[in-house]
Amino acid sequence: MAYRVVAIAEGLAEKVRASRRSPGYGHPVHEETATGYGPCRLCLRDFTVGVDRRLLFTLDPFHGLEPFPLPGPVFIHENECDRHPENAGFPADLLTHALTLSGYGRGRVLRAEERVCGPDVEGAIERLLTRVDVDYLHVRDTTAGCYDMRIERA
């Protein structure tokens, strides 16, 4: 099944880097050397612990998609990085992570959920996106619970 991987928008990352404020909330951004793997929510690559500088901020991954917010913490590289291309398939770095794929219907209604790791992710994406009651997926880190990205049908 063809799908799109939707990272945060480049403009949003640029705004956070420039203002050092969380979009929509105005909370101060926290700057640090990476103590965990991430990933960066723009390039969808893991951070190099102890080396990469990252920014932590509050993001509502439902903003512009659904009327009900669900804000939480996310990281991006402190310095500019390239956005993960939507048609480039599932990000390779995330294949080593324990992930939760949540299938949502319109109105932010959770319809289905699968926990996966490694190559099982492709099958889970296909199973969830073939359901008629699922409009899009949110991918979250199973351990930390943080939002990583959205997946939509191509």
C-alpha atoms as a PDB file:
ATOM      1  CA  MET A   1       0.000   0.000   0.000  1.00  0.00           C
ATOM      2  CA  ALA A   2       1.267   3.465  -0.881  1.00  0.00           C
ATOM      3  CA  TYR A   3       1.448   5.929   1.994  1.00  0.00           C
ATOM      4  CA  ARG A   4       2.908   9.314   2.885  1.00  0.00           C
ATOM      5  CA  VAL A   5       5.071   9.975   5.948  1.00  0.00           C
ATOM      6  CA  VAL A   6       4.215  13.437   7.270  1.00  0.00           C
ATOM      7  CA  ALA A   7       6.904  15.039   9.439  1.00  0.00           C
ATOM      8  CA  ILE A   8       6.345  18.459  11.001  1.00  0.00           C
ATOM      9  CA  ALA A   9       6.447  21.349   8.526  1.00  0.00           C
ATOM     10  CA  GLU A  10       9.725  23.085   7.733  1.00  0.00           C
ATOM     11  CA  GLY A  11       8.121  26.458   8.474  1.00  0.00           C
ATOM     12  CA  LEU A  12       7.106  25.297  11.930  1.00  0.00           C
ATOM     13  CA  ALA A  13      10.663  24.115  12.697  1.00  0.00           C
ATOM     14  CA  GLU A  14      12.090  27.424  11.422  1.00  0.00           C
ATOM     15  CA  LYS A  15       9.664  29.369  13.617  1.00  0.00           C
ATOM     16  CA  VAL A  16      10.608  27.339  16.716  1.00  0.00           C
ATOM     17  CA  ARG A  17      14.327  27.772  16.019  1.00  0.00           C
ATOM     18  CA  ALA A  18      13.965  31.526  15.523  1.00  0.00           C
ATOM     19  CA  SER A  19      11.508  32.370  18.324  1.00  0.00           C
ATOM     20  CA  ARG A  20      12.539  29.715  20.873  1.00  0.00           C
ATOM     21  CA  ARG A  21       8.816  29.386  21.671  1.00  0.00           C
ATOM     22  CA  SER A  22       6.349  26.514  21.247  1.00  0.00           C
ATOM     23  CA  PRO A  23       3.897  27.148  18.393  1.00  0.00           C
ATOM     24  CA  GLY A  24       0.376  27.845  19.593  1.00  0.00           C
ATOM     25  CA  TYR A  25       1.383  27.823  23.258  1.00  0.00           C
ATOM     26  CA  GLY A  26       4.263  30.260  23.641  1.00  0.00           C
ATOM     27  CA  HIS A  27       6.087  28.062  26.141  1.00  0.00           C
ATOM     28  CA  PRO A  28       9.857  28.546  26.172  1.00  0.00           C
ATOM     29  CA  VAL A  29      11.846  26.012  24.183  1.00  0.00           C
ATOM     30  CA  HIS A  30      14.380  23.915  26.085  1.00  0.00           C
ATOM     31  CA  GLU A  31      17.822  23.562  24.475  1.00  0.00           C
ATOM     32  CA  GLU A  32      20.139  20.659  25.275  1.00  0.00           C
ATOM     33  CA  THR A  33      22.715  18.191  24.041  1.00  0.00           C
ATOM     34  CA  ALA A  34      20.863  14.994  23.157  1.00  0.00           C
ATOM     35  CA  THR A  35      20.459  12.593  26.075  1.00  0.00           C
ATOM     36  CA  GLY A  36      18.185  10.276  24.104  1.00  0.00           C
ATOM     37  CA  TYR A  37      17.798   9.087  20.530  1.00  0.00           C
ATOM     38  CA  GLY A  38      14.747  11.152  19.578  1.00  0.00           C
ATOM     39  CA  PRO A  39      14.000  11.234  16.640  1.00  0.00           C
ATOM     40  CA  CYS A  40      14.039  14.761  15.248  1.00  0.00           C
ATOM     41  CA  ARG A  41      10.426  15.378  14.178  1.00  0.00           C
ATOM     42  CA  LEU A  42      11.523  17.153  11.012  1.00  0.00           C
ATOM     43  CA  CYS A  43      14.187  14.899   9.438  1.00  0.00           C
ATOM     44  CA  LEU A  44      12.968  11.794  11.357  1.00  0.00           C
ATOM     45  CA  ARG A  45      16.546  10.715  12.072  1.00  0.00           C
ATOM     46  CA  ASP A  46      17.828   9.680  15.487  1.00  0.00           C
ATOM     47  CA  PHE A  47      19.950  12.076  17.507  1.00  0.00           C
ATOM     48  CA  THR A  48      23.525  11.168  18.336  1.00  0.00           C
ATOM     49  CA  VAL A  49      23.497  11.069  22.145  1.00  0.00           C
ATOM     50  CA  GLY A  50      26.045  13.412  23.702  1.00  0.00           C
ATOM     51  CA  VAL A  51      26.752  15.111  20.365  1.00  0.00           C
ATOM     52  CA  ASP A  52      23.655  16.554  18.643  1.00  0.00           C
ATOM     53  CA  ARG A  53      22.052  19.709  19.968  1.00  0.00           C
ATOM     54  CA  ARG A  54      18.254  19.585  20.091  1.00  0.00           C
ATOM     55  CA  LEU A  55      15.263  21.733  20.963  1.00  0.00           C
ATOM     56  CA  LEU A  56      12.380  20.447  23.082  1.00  0.00           C
ATOM     57  CA  PHE A  57       8.986  22.106  22.662  1.00  0.00           C
ATOM     58  CA  THR A  58       5.246  21.521  23.005  1.00  0.00           C
ATOM     59  CA  LEU A  59       3.411  20.460  19.839  1.00  0.00           C
ATOM     60  CA  ASP A  60      -0.211  19.627  19.126  1.00  0.00           C
ATOM     61  CA  PRO A  61       0.001  17.011  16.339  1.00  0.00           C
ATOM     62  CA  PHE A  62      -3.725  17.412  15.683  1.00  0.00           C
ATOM     63  CA  HIS A  63      -3.455  21.169  14.969  1.00  0.00           C
ATOM     64  CA  GLY A  64      -5.132  21.961  11.649  1.00  0.00           C
ATOM     65  CA  LEU A  65      -6.413  18.383  11.398  1.00  0.00           C
ATOM     66  CA  GLU A  66      -8.842  18.043  14.295  1.00  0.00           C
ATOM     67  CA  PRO A  67     -10.561  20.485  16.669  1.00  0.00           C
ATOM     68  CA  PHE A  68      -9.482  18.649  19.832  1.00  0.00           C
ATOM     69  CA  PRO A  69      -5.862  19.264  20.877  1.00  0.00           C
ATOM     70  CA  LEU A  70      -3.525  16.717  22.391  1.00  0.00           C
ATOM     71  CA  PRO A  71      -0.243  18.579  23.026  1.00  0.00           C
ATOM     72  CA  GLY A  72       2.958  16.901  24.061  1.00  0.00           C
ATOM     73  CA  PRO A  73       6.746  17.200  23.955  1.00  0.00           C
ATOM     74  CA  VAL A  74       8.769  16.795  20.752  1.00  0.00           C
ATOM     75  CA  PHE A  75      12.373  17.408  19.667  1.00  0.00           C
ATOM     76  CA  ILE A  76      14.011  18.871  16.560  1.00  0.00           C
ATOM     77  CA  HIS A  77      17.653  19.458  15.715  1.00  0.00           C
ATOM     78  CA  GLU A  78      18.806  22.851  16.946  1.00  0.00           C
ATOM     79  CA  ASN A  79      20.476  23.503  13.599  1.00  0.00           C
ATOM     80  CA  GLU A  80      18.790  23.244  10.226  1.00  0.00           C
ATOM     81  CA  CYS A  81      18.114  19.774   8.827  1.00  0.00           C
ATOM     82  CA  ASP A  82      16.160  18.517   5.822  1.00  0.00           C
ATOM     83  CA  ARG A  83      12.546  17.420   6.206  1.00  0.00           C
ATOM     84  CA  HIS A  84      11.944  13.706   5.624  1.00  0.00           C
ATOM     85  CA  PRO A  85      10.387  13.427   2.135  1.00  0.00           C
ATOM     86  CA  GLU A  86       6.755  12.336   2.343  1.00  0.00           C
ATOM     87  CA  ASN A  87       7.184   9.735  -0.401  1.00  0.00           C
ATOM     88  CA  ALA A  88      10.491   8.277   0.915  1.00  0.00           C
ATOM     89  CA  GLY A  89       8.869   5.478   2.875  1.00  0.00           C
ATOM     90  CA  PHE A  90       9.186   4.697   6.541  1.00  0.00           C
ATOM     91  CA  PRO A  91      12.230   6.359   8.167  1.00  0.00           C
ATOM     92  CA  ALA A  92      15.036   3.801   8.534  1.00  0.00           C
ATOM     93  CA  ASP A  93      16.183   5.068  11.955  1.00  0.00           C
ATOM     94  CA  LEU A  94      12.756   4.422  13.455  1.00  0.00           C
ATOM     95  CA  LEU A  95      12.779   0.748  12.479  1.00  0.00           C
ATOM     96  CA  THR A  96      14.828   0.028  15.617  1.00  0.00           C
ATOM     97  CA  HIS A  97      12.313   1.749  17.910  1.00  0.00           C
ATOM     98  CA  ALA A  98       9.371   0.208  19.738  1.00  0.00           C
ATOM     99  CA  LEU A  99       6.464   2.068  18.139  1.00  0.00           C
ATOM    100  CA  THR A 100       2.744   2.460  18.653  1.00  0.00           C
ATOM    101  CA  LEU A 101       0.686   3.090  15.514  1.00  0.00           C
ATOM    102  CA  SER A 102      -2.655   4.682  16.351  1.00  0.00           C
ATOM    103  CA  GLY A 103      -5.341   4.682  13.664  1.00  0.00           C
ATOM    104  CA  TYR A 104      -7.698   7.653  13.911  1.00  0.00           C
ATOM    105  CA  GLY A 105     -11.043   8.407  12.310  1.00  0.00           C
ATOM    106  CA  ARG A 106     -12.241  11.980  11.822  1.00  0.00           C
ATOM    107  CA  GLY A 107     -13.038  13.738  15.083  1.00  0.00           C
ATOM    108  CA  ARG A 108      -9.857  12.332  16.658  1.00  0.00           C
ATOM    109  CA  VAL A 109     -11.606   9.050  17.362  1.00  0.00           C
ATOM    110  CA  LEU A 110      -9.117   6.263  18.040  1.00  0.00           C
ATOM    111  CA  ARG A 111     -10.229   3.300  15.902  1.00  0.00           C
ATOM    112  CA  ALA A 112      -7.305   0.864  16.199  1.00  0.00           C
ATOM    113  CA  GLU A 113      -3.804   0.572  17.575  1.00  0.00           C
ATOM    114  CA  GLU A 114      -0.812  -1.705  17.003  1.00  0.00           C
ATOM    115  CA  ARG A 115       2.539  -1.923  18.793  1.00  0.00           C
ATOM    116  CA  VAL A 116       5.428  -2.910  16.532  1.00  0.00           C
ATOM    117  CA  CYS A 117       9.191  -2.888  16.128  1.00  0.00           C
ATOM    118  CA  GLY A 118      11.390  -3.427  13.089  1.00  0.00           C
ATOM    119  CA  PRO A 119      10.082  -4.805   9.811  1.00  0.00           C
ATOM    120  CA  ASP A 120       6.630  -5.459  11.334  1.00  0.00           C
ATOM    121  CA  VAL A 121       5.866  -1.763  10.877  1.00  0.00           C
ATOM    122  CA  GLU A 122       5.051  -2.089   7.154  1.00  0.00           C
ATOM    123  CA  GLY A 123       2.423  -4.766   7.778  1.00  0.00           C
ATOM    124  CA  ALA A 124       0.880  -2.759  10.600  1.00  0.00           C
ATOM    125  CA  ILE A 125       0.662   0.343   8.402  1.00  0.00           C
ATOM    126  CA  GLU A 126      -1.075  -1.642   5.678  1.00  0.00           C
ATOM    127  CA  ARG A 127      -3.499  -3.331   8.094  1.00  0.00           C
ATOM    128  CA  LEU A 128      -4.469  -0.038   9.701  1.00  0.00           C
ATOM    129  CA  LEU A 129      -4.761   2.015   6.503  1.00  0.00           C
ATOM    130  CA  THR A 130      -6.924  -0.601   4.773  1.00  0.00           C
ATOM    131  CA  ARG A 131      -9.565  -0.148   7.477  1.00  0.00           C
ATOM    132  CA  VAL A 132     -12.374   2.078   6.198  1.00  0.00           C
ATOM    133  CA  ASP A 133     -12.838   3.662   9.635  1.00  0.00           C
ATOM    134  CA  VAL A 134      -9.198   4.847   9.822  1.00  0.00           C
ATOM    135  CA  ASP A 135      -8.339   8.138   8.113  1.00  0.00           C
ATOM    136  CA  TYR A 136      -4.703   8.563   9.248  1.00  0.00           C
ATOM    137  CA  LEU A 137      -2.132   7.168  11.670  1.00  0.00           C
ATOM    138  CA  HIS A 138      -0.078   8.740  14.417  1.00  0.00           C
ATOM    139  CA  VAL A 139       3.219   7.053  15.172  1.00  0.00           C
ATOM    140  CA  ARG A 140       4.422   7.354  18.766  1.00  0.00           C
ATOM    141  CA  ASP A 141       7.383   5.995  20.669  1.00  0.00           C
ATOM    142  CA  THR A 142       5.953   3.164  22.771  1.00  0.00           C
ATOM    143  CA  THR A 143       8.381   3.695  25.656  1.00  0.00           C
ATOM    144  CA  ALA A 144       8.244   7.495  25.944  1.00  0.00           C
ATOM    145  CA  GLY A 145       4.758   7.998  24.480  1.00  0.00           C
ATOM    146  CA  CYS A 146       5.921  10.953  22.374  1.00  0.00           C
ATOM    147  CA  TYR A 147       4.481  11.762  18.945  1.00  0.00           C
ATOM    148  CA  ASP A 148       6.876  11.020  16.075  1.00  0.00           C
ATOM    149  CA  MET A 149       4.929  11.572  12.832  1.00  0.00           C
ATOM    150  CA  ARG A 150       1.678  11.093  10.899  1.00  0.00           C
ATOM    151  CA  ILE A 151       1.076   8.563   8.142  1.00  0.00           C
ATOM    152  CA  GLU A 152      -1.615   9.007   5.483  1.00  0.00           C
ATOM    153  CA  ARG A 153      -2.707   7.124   2.389  1.00  0.00           C
ATOM    154  CA  ALA A 154      -0.870   8.318  -0.729  1.00  0.00           C
END
